[in-house]
Amino acid sequence: MTDTAIVSQKLTSLTEHLGRARRRRSGTLDALRADIDLQDALALSLLVAIQDAVDVAFHIVADEGWGVPASYAESFEMLARHRVIDVTLASEMAAAAGLRNRIAHGYASLDVTRLWNEMPAGLAALERYAAAIARFVTRPGT
C-alpha cells in the first residue's frame, strides 16, 4: 500500500517548484537568454519538480508491488498500465524525465529557446500528473 505521507510531501515540493518555474518564466525569452542566473534557477526548479514526479512514480510502483521499472520512463508507463495516469500523460512525463536527465547530466547545453517554447505544456503536464497522483492516494483502499 502506498505511503500517502511520503507521496504528499513529494507532491508539495513538486507544486512549489512548479510555481517557482512559472514565476521565473514570467519575463520574455530575450530576458531569459540574457540572464544565465535565471536560466540556472529555472533549470533547477524544473529538475526538482521532475525528480519529485519520478520519485513518486517509483514509490507507488514499489509500494503497490507492480515490479521494478528499468527507467524513469517505464515508471510512468507502469502507472498508466495500472490506470493511475493515462497513456498520454505517461508519454509526456517520460519526455519530462528526458529533460531532467539533460539538465542533471549536462548532455548538451540547455537550448533556452526550446525550453521556453515547451515549458507551458510541460508545466501543465506536471500539474495534471500531481492531480492524478493526489486522486490515486485519496481513493478508498489506497
N, C-alpha and C. Protein backbone atom coordinates (compact mmCIF):
# COMPACT_ATOMS: atom_id res chain seq x y z
N MET A 1 0.84 -1.18 0.00
CA MET A 1 0.00 0.00 0.00
C MET A 1 0.89 1.25 0.00
N THR A 2 0.53 2.20 -0.79
CA THR A 2 1.31 3.42 -0.94
C THR A 2 1.28 4.26 0.33
N ASP A 3 2.44 4.72 0.73
CA ASP A 3 2.58 5.60 1.90
C ASP A 3 2.16 7.01 1.47
N THR A 4 0.96 7.41 1.85
CA THR A 4 0.42 8.70 1.39
C THR A 4 1.18 9.89 1.96
N ALA A 5 1.77 9.74 3.14
CA ALA A 5 2.52 10.86 3.73
C ALA A 5 3.74 11.20 2.87
N ILE A 6 4.46 10.17 2.42
CA ILE A 6 5.63 10.41 1.57
C ILE A 6 5.22 11.02 0.25
N VAL A 7 4.17 10.47 -0.36
CA VAL A 7 3.70 10.99 -1.65
C VAL A 7 3.23 12.43 -1.49
N SER A 8 2.50 12.72 -0.44
CA SER A 8 2.02 14.09 -0.22
C SER A 8 3.18 15.07 -0.06
N GLN A 9 4.21 14.66 0.65
CA GLN A 9 5.40 15.53 0.82
C GLN A 9 6.05 15.82 -0.53
N LYS A 10 6.18 14.79 -1.36
CA LYS A 10 6.78 14.96 -2.69
C LYS A 10 5.90 15.84 -3.58
N LEU A 11 4.58 15.65 -3.49
CA LEU A 11 3.67 16.47 -4.30
C LEU A 11 3.72 17.93 -3.88
N THR A 12 3.89 18.18 -2.59
CA THR A 12 4.02 19.56 -2.10
C THR A 12 5.27 20.20 -2.70
N SER A 13 6.37 19.49 -2.65
CA SER A 13 7.62 20.00 -3.23
C SER A 13 7.47 20.22 -4.73
N LEU A 14 6.88 19.26 -5.41
CA LEU A 14 6.67 19.38 -6.86
C LEU A 14 5.87 20.65 -7.16
N THR A 15 4.79 20.85 -6.45
CA THR A 15 3.93 22.01 -6.68
C THR A 15 4.65 23.33 -6.39
N GLU A 16 5.43 23.36 -5.32
CA GLU A 16 6.19 24.57 -5.01
C GLU A 16 7.18 24.90 -6.12
N HIS A 17 7.86 23.90 -6.65
CA HIS A 17 8.84 24.15 -7.71
C HIS A 17 8.17 24.49 -9.03
N LEU A 18 6.98 23.97 -9.27
CA LEU A 18 6.22 24.39 -10.46
C LEU A 18 5.90 25.88 -10.37
N GLY A 19 5.49 26.33 -9.19
CA GLY A 19 5.20 27.75 -9.01
C GLY A 19 6.43 28.61 -9.24
N ARG A 20 7.57 28.16 -8.73
CA ARG A 20 8.81 28.91 -8.95
C ARG A 20 9.15 28.96 -10.44
N ALA A 21 8.99 27.84 -11.12
CA ALA A 21 9.29 27.82 -12.56
C ALA A 21 8.36 28.77 -13.32
N ARG A 22 7.09 28.76 -12.96
CA ARG A 22 6.14 29.68 -13.63
C ARG A 22 6.54 31.14 -13.40
N ARG A 23 6.88 31.47 -12.16
CA ARG A 23 7.28 32.85 -11.86
C ARG A 23 8.55 33.23 -12.62
N ARG A 24 9.48 32.32 -12.71
CA ARG A 24 10.74 32.61 -13.39
C ARG A 24 10.57 32.73 -14.90
N ARG A 25 9.52 32.17 -15.45
CA ARG A 25 9.26 32.27 -16.88
C ARG A 25 8.37 33.48 -17.19
N SER A 26 8.08 34.30 -16.22
CA SER A 26 7.13 35.40 -16.41
C SER A 26 7.66 36.53 -17.28
N GLY A 27 8.96 36.56 -17.54
CA GLY A 27 9.52 37.62 -18.38
C GLY A 27 9.40 37.27 -19.86
N THR A 28 10.46 37.55 -20.59
CA THR A 28 10.48 37.27 -22.03
C THR A 28 11.60 36.30 -22.35
N LEU A 29 11.53 35.72 -23.52
CA LEU A 29 12.58 34.82 -23.97
C LEU A 29 13.91 35.55 -24.05
N ASP A 30 13.91 36.78 -24.53
CA ASP A 30 15.16 37.55 -24.61
C ASP A 30 15.76 37.78 -23.23
N ALA A 31 14.90 38.05 -22.24
CA ALA A 31 15.39 38.25 -20.87
C ALA A 31 16.00 36.95 -20.34
N LEU A 32 15.37 35.83 -20.64
CA LEU A 32 15.92 34.55 -20.20
C LEU A 32 17.25 34.26 -20.88
N ARG A 33 17.32 34.53 -22.18
CA ARG A 33 18.58 34.30 -22.91
C ARG A 33 19.72 35.13 -22.33
N ALA A 34 19.39 36.32 -21.87
CA ALA A 34 20.42 37.26 -21.40
C ALA A 34 20.83 37.02 -19.94
N ASP A 35 20.12 36.17 -19.23
CA ASP A 35 20.35 36.02 -17.79
C ASP A 35 20.68 34.57 -17.45
N ILE A 36 21.96 34.26 -17.37
CA ILE A 36 22.40 32.89 -17.08
C ILE A 36 21.96 32.45 -15.69
N ASP A 37 21.90 33.38 -14.74
CA ASP A 37 21.44 33.03 -13.40
C ASP A 37 19.97 32.63 -13.42
N LEU A 38 19.18 33.33 -14.19
CA LEU A 38 17.76 32.98 -14.33
C LEU A 38 17.63 31.62 -15.01
N GLN A 39 18.45 31.35 -16.02
CA GLN A 39 18.44 30.04 -16.69
C GLN A 39 18.74 28.95 -15.67
N ASP A 40 19.75 29.17 -14.83
CA ASP A 40 20.12 28.18 -13.82
C ASP A 40 18.99 27.97 -12.82
N ALA A 41 18.38 29.05 -12.37
CA ALA A 41 17.29 28.95 -11.38
C ALA A 41 16.09 28.21 -11.97
N LEU A 42 15.78 28.53 -13.22
CA LEU A 42 14.66 27.87 -13.89
C LEU A 42 14.96 26.38 -14.08
N ALA A 43 16.17 26.08 -14.51
CA ALA A 43 16.55 24.68 -14.70
C ALA A 43 16.48 23.91 -13.39
N LEU A 44 16.92 24.53 -12.29
CA LEU A 44 16.88 23.84 -11.00
C LEU A 44 15.44 23.58 -10.57
N SER A 45 14.57 24.54 -10.74
CA SER A 45 13.16 24.33 -10.37
C SER A 45 12.56 23.19 -11.18
N LEU A 46 12.85 23.16 -12.47
CA LEU A 46 12.34 22.07 -13.31
C LEU A 46 12.94 20.73 -12.90
N LEU A 47 14.23 20.72 -12.65
CA LEU A 47 14.90 19.49 -12.24
C LEU A 47 14.26 18.91 -10.98
N VAL A 48 14.05 19.76 -9.98
CA VAL A 48 13.49 19.28 -8.72
C VAL A 48 12.04 18.82 -8.91
N ALA A 49 11.24 19.57 -9.65
CA ALA A 49 9.84 19.18 -9.88
C ALA A 49 9.77 17.83 -10.59
N ILE A 50 10.58 17.67 -11.62
CA ILE A 50 10.56 16.42 -12.37
C ILE A 50 11.09 15.27 -11.52
N GLN A 51 12.14 15.53 -10.74
CA GLN A 51 12.67 14.47 -9.88
C GLN A 51 11.63 14.06 -8.84
N ASP A 52 10.89 15.01 -8.31
CA ASP A 52 9.81 14.68 -7.37
C ASP A 52 8.77 13.78 -8.06
N ALA A 53 8.43 14.09 -9.30
CA ALA A 53 7.47 13.28 -10.04
C ALA A 53 7.99 11.86 -10.23
N VAL A 54 9.26 11.74 -10.58
CA VAL A 54 9.89 10.43 -10.74
C VAL A 54 9.89 9.67 -9.42
N ASP A 55 10.28 10.35 -8.35
CA ASP A 55 10.31 9.71 -7.03
C ASP A 55 8.94 9.16 -6.65
N VAL A 56 7.90 9.92 -6.91
CA VAL A 56 6.54 9.49 -6.62
C VAL A 56 6.20 8.24 -7.44
N ALA A 57 6.53 8.27 -8.71
CA ALA A 57 6.24 7.12 -9.57
C ALA A 57 6.92 5.86 -9.04
N PHE A 58 8.21 5.96 -8.75
CA PHE A 58 8.94 4.80 -8.23
C PHE A 58 8.36 4.34 -6.89
N HIS A 59 8.00 5.29 -6.06
CA HIS A 59 7.46 4.95 -4.74
C HIS A 59 6.16 4.17 -4.88
N ILE A 60 5.25 4.67 -5.69
CA ILE A 60 3.95 4.00 -5.86
C ILE A 60 4.15 2.62 -6.47
N VAL A 61 4.93 2.53 -7.53
CA VAL A 61 5.15 1.25 -8.19
C VAL A 61 5.72 0.22 -7.21
N ALA A 62 6.68 0.64 -6.40
CA ALA A 62 7.28 -0.29 -5.43
C ALA A 62 6.28 -0.66 -4.34
N ASP A 63 5.61 0.34 -3.76
CA ASP A 63 4.69 0.07 -2.66
C ASP A 63 3.50 -0.79 -3.09
N GLU A 64 3.07 -0.62 -4.32
CA GLU A 64 1.93 -1.40 -4.81
C GLU A 64 2.35 -2.78 -5.30
N GLY A 65 3.66 -3.04 -5.37
CA GLY A 65 4.15 -4.35 -5.79
C GLY A 65 3.99 -4.62 -7.27
N TRP A 66 4.10 -3.58 -8.08
CA TRP A 66 3.89 -3.72 -9.52
C TRP A 66 5.17 -4.05 -10.28
N GLY A 67 6.26 -4.21 -9.60
CA GLY A 67 7.52 -4.53 -10.26
C GLY A 67 8.54 -3.43 -10.07
N VAL A 68 9.65 -3.60 -10.76
CA VAL A 68 10.75 -2.64 -10.67
C VAL A 68 10.97 -2.04 -12.06
N PRO A 69 10.69 -0.76 -12.22
CA PRO A 69 10.90 -0.13 -13.52
C PRO A 69 12.38 -0.06 -13.87
N ALA A 70 12.68 -0.26 -15.14
CA ALA A 70 14.07 -0.21 -15.61
C ALA A 70 14.51 1.21 -15.93
N SER A 71 13.57 2.14 -15.98
CA SER A 71 13.90 3.53 -16.33
C SER A 71 12.84 4.45 -15.75
N TYR A 72 13.15 5.72 -15.78
CA TYR A 72 12.16 6.71 -15.36
C TYR A 72 10.92 6.61 -16.24
N ALA A 73 11.13 6.53 -17.54
CA ALA A 73 10.01 6.45 -18.47
C ALA A 73 9.13 5.24 -18.16
N GLU A 74 9.76 4.11 -17.87
CA GLU A 74 8.97 2.91 -17.57
C GLU A 74 8.16 3.07 -16.29
N SER A 75 8.65 3.83 -15.33
CA SER A 75 7.86 4.03 -14.11
C SER A 75 6.54 4.71 -14.43
N PHE A 76 6.56 5.66 -15.37
CA PHE A 76 5.32 6.34 -15.76
C PHE A 76 4.43 5.41 -16.58
N GLU A 77 5.04 4.58 -17.43
CA GLU A 77 4.28 3.58 -18.19
C GLU A 77 3.58 2.61 -17.25
N MET A 78 4.26 2.21 -16.18
CA MET A 78 3.66 1.30 -15.21
C MET A 78 2.47 1.96 -14.51
N LEU A 79 2.59 3.24 -14.20
CA LEU A 79 1.45 3.95 -13.61
C LEU A 79 0.27 3.97 -14.58
N ALA A 80 0.56 4.14 -15.86
CA ALA A 80 -0.51 4.14 -16.86
C ALA A 80 -1.15 2.75 -16.97
N ARG A 81 -0.33 1.70 -16.95
CA ARG A 81 -0.86 0.33 -17.01
C ARG A 81 -1.83 0.05 -15.87
N HIS A 82 -1.60 0.67 -14.75
CA HIS A 82 -2.45 0.46 -13.58
C HIS A 82 -3.46 1.59 -13.39
N ARG A 83 -3.64 2.38 -14.44
CA ARG A 83 -4.66 3.43 -14.51
C ARG A 83 -4.54 4.52 -13.44
N VAL A 84 -3.30 4.76 -13.02
CA VAL A 84 -3.06 5.88 -12.10
C VAL A 84 -3.02 7.17 -12.92
N ILE A 85 -2.39 7.11 -14.08
CA ILE A 85 -2.35 8.22 -15.04
C ILE A 85 -2.72 7.64 -16.41
N ASP A 86 -3.05 8.49 -17.35
CA ASP A 86 -3.38 7.98 -18.68
C ASP A 86 -2.12 7.86 -19.54
N VAL A 87 -2.25 7.16 -20.65
CA VAL A 87 -1.12 6.86 -21.52
C VAL A 87 -0.48 8.14 -22.08
N THR A 88 -1.30 9.10 -22.44
CA THR A 88 -0.77 10.36 -22.98
C THR A 88 0.07 11.07 -21.93
N LEU A 89 -0.42 11.12 -20.71
CA LEU A 89 0.33 11.77 -19.63
C LEU A 89 1.62 10.99 -19.35
N ALA A 90 1.56 9.67 -19.40
CA ALA A 90 2.77 8.86 -19.19
C ALA A 90 3.84 9.22 -20.23
N SER A 91 3.42 9.42 -21.47
CA SER A 91 4.36 9.81 -22.52
C SER A 91 4.94 11.20 -22.27
N GLU A 92 4.09 12.13 -21.84
CA GLU A 92 4.56 13.48 -21.53
C GLU A 92 5.54 13.46 -20.34
N MET A 93 5.26 12.62 -19.37
CA MET A 93 6.15 12.53 -18.21
C MET A 93 7.47 11.86 -18.58
N ALA A 94 7.44 10.91 -19.49
CA ALA A 94 8.68 10.30 -19.97
C ALA A 94 9.54 11.36 -20.65
N ALA A 95 8.91 12.24 -21.43
CA ALA A 95 9.65 13.33 -22.08
C ALA A 95 10.23 14.28 -21.02
N ALA A 96 9.47 14.55 -19.97
CA ALA A 96 9.97 15.39 -18.88
C ALA A 96 11.18 14.74 -18.22
N ALA A 97 11.14 13.43 -18.06
CA ALA A 97 12.28 12.72 -17.47
C ALA A 97 13.52 12.88 -18.35
N GLY A 98 13.33 12.91 -19.65
CA GLY A 98 14.45 13.16 -20.56
C GLY A 98 15.04 14.54 -20.34
N LEU A 99 14.19 15.54 -20.14
CA LEU A 99 14.66 16.89 -19.83
C LEU A 99 15.42 16.89 -18.51
N ARG A 100 14.89 16.19 -17.53
CA ARG A 100 15.57 16.10 -16.23
C ARG A 100 16.98 15.55 -16.41
N ASN A 101 17.11 14.54 -17.24
CA ASN A 101 18.42 13.93 -17.49
C ASN A 101 19.37 14.91 -18.18
N ARG A 102 18.84 15.66 -19.15
CA ARG A 102 19.69 16.64 -19.84
C ARG A 102 20.17 17.72 -18.89
N ILE A 103 19.30 18.17 -18.01
CA ILE A 103 19.69 19.19 -17.04
C ILE A 103 20.70 18.61 -16.05
N ALA A 104 20.38 17.46 -15.49
CA ALA A 104 21.20 16.88 -14.42
C ALA A 104 22.58 16.44 -14.91
N HIS A 105 22.64 15.92 -16.11
CA HIS A 105 23.89 15.33 -16.58
C HIS A 105 24.61 16.18 -17.62
N GLY A 106 24.01 17.30 -17.98
CA GLY A 106 24.66 18.20 -18.92
C GLY A 106 24.97 17.57 -20.26
N TYR A 107 24.05 16.75 -20.77
CA TYR A 107 24.28 16.08 -22.06
C TYR A 107 24.58 17.08 -23.17
N ALA A 108 23.97 18.21 -23.08
CA ALA A 108 24.22 19.28 -24.05
C ALA A 108 23.84 20.59 -23.35
N SER A 109 24.33 21.67 -23.88
CA SER A 109 23.95 22.93 -23.27
C SER A 109 22.45 23.11 -23.42
N LEU A 110 21.87 23.76 -22.46
CA LEU A 110 20.43 23.96 -22.43
C LEU A 110 20.00 24.80 -23.63
N ASP A 111 19.07 24.30 -24.39
CA ASP A 111 18.51 25.04 -25.52
C ASP A 111 17.41 25.93 -24.94
N VAL A 112 17.76 27.16 -24.68
CA VAL A 112 16.88 28.08 -23.97
C VAL A 112 15.60 28.33 -24.77
N THR A 113 15.70 28.47 -26.07
CA THR A 113 14.52 28.73 -26.90
C THR A 113 13.57 27.54 -26.83
N ARG A 114 14.11 26.35 -26.96
CA ARG A 114 13.28 25.13 -26.89
C ARG A 114 12.62 25.02 -25.52
N LEU A 115 13.40 25.25 -24.48
CA LEU A 115 12.87 25.19 -23.12
C LEU A 115 11.72 26.19 -22.96
N TRP A 116 11.93 27.42 -23.41
CA TRP A 116 10.93 28.48 -23.30
C TRP A 116 9.63 28.07 -24.01
N ASN A 117 9.78 27.54 -25.21
CA ASN A 117 8.61 27.19 -26.02
C ASN A 117 7.86 25.97 -25.49
N GLU A 118 8.58 25.01 -24.94
CA GLU A 118 7.95 23.77 -24.49
C GLU A 118 7.50 23.82 -23.03
N MET A 119 7.97 24.82 -22.31
CA MET A 119 7.71 24.87 -20.88
C MET A 119 6.23 24.95 -20.50
N PRO A 120 5.40 25.76 -21.15
CA PRO A 120 3.99 25.81 -20.74
C PRO A 120 3.31 24.44 -20.77
N ALA A 121 3.52 23.68 -21.82
CA ALA A 121 2.92 22.35 -21.92
C ALA A 121 3.52 21.40 -20.88
N GLY A 122 4.81 21.52 -20.65
CA GLY A 122 5.47 20.66 -19.66
C GLY A 122 4.98 20.93 -18.26
N LEU A 123 4.82 22.20 -17.92
CA LEU A 123 4.31 22.55 -16.58
C LEU A 123 2.87 22.06 -16.43
N ALA A 124 2.10 22.19 -17.48
CA ALA A 124 0.71 21.71 -17.43
C ALA A 124 0.68 20.19 -17.24
N ALA A 125 1.59 19.47 -17.89
CA ALA A 125 1.65 18.01 -17.72
C ALA A 125 2.01 17.67 -16.27
N LEU A 126 2.97 18.37 -15.71
CA LEU A 126 3.35 18.12 -14.32
C LEU A 126 2.19 18.41 -13.37
N GLU A 127 1.42 19.44 -13.65
CA GLU A 127 0.25 19.76 -12.82
C GLU A 127 -0.81 18.67 -12.94
N ARG A 128 -1.06 18.17 -14.15
CA ARG A 128 -2.02 17.08 -14.34
C ARG A 128 -1.54 15.82 -13.64
N TYR A 129 -0.24 15.58 -13.70
CA TYR A 129 0.34 14.43 -13.02
C TYR A 129 0.11 14.53 -11.51
N ALA A 130 0.43 15.68 -10.93
CA ALA A 130 0.24 15.87 -9.49
C ALA A 130 -1.22 15.65 -9.11
N ALA A 131 -2.14 16.15 -9.91
CA ALA A 131 -3.57 15.98 -9.62
C ALA A 131 -3.98 14.50 -9.70
N ALA A 132 -3.48 13.80 -10.69
CA ALA A 132 -3.81 12.37 -10.85
C ALA A 132 -3.27 11.57 -9.67
N ILE A 133 -2.05 11.89 -9.25
CA ILE A 133 -1.46 11.17 -8.11
C ILE A 133 -2.24 11.48 -6.84
N ALA A 134 -2.63 12.73 -6.65
CA ALA A 134 -3.41 13.10 -5.47
C ALA A 134 -4.74 12.33 -5.46
N ARG A 135 -5.36 12.18 -6.62
CA ARG A 135 -6.60 11.40 -6.69
C ARG A 135 -6.34 9.94 -6.32
N PHE A 136 -5.22 9.39 -6.83
CA PHE A 136 -4.89 8.00 -6.55
C PHE A 136 -4.70 7.75 -5.05
N VAL A 137 -3.96 8.62 -4.40
CA VAL A 137 -3.65 8.36 -2.98
C VAL A 137 -4.82 8.65 -2.07
N THR A 138 -5.86 9.32 -2.56
CA THR A 138 -7.03 9.58 -1.73
C THR A 138 -8.19 8.62 -2.03
N ARG A 139 -7.97 7.68 -2.95
CA ARG A 139 -9.01 6.68 -3.23
C ARG A 139 -9.16 5.76 -2.03
N PRO A 140 -10.38 5.33 -1.79
CA PRO A 140 -10.56 4.34 -0.71
C PRO A 140 -9.73 3.09 -0.99
N GLY A 141 -9.11 2.59 0.04
CA GLY A 141 -8.29 1.38 -0.09
C GLY A 141 -6.86 1.65 -0.47
N THR A 142 -6.49 2.93 -0.69
CA THR A 142 -5.11 3.27 -1.05
C THR A 142 -4.32 3.60 0.18
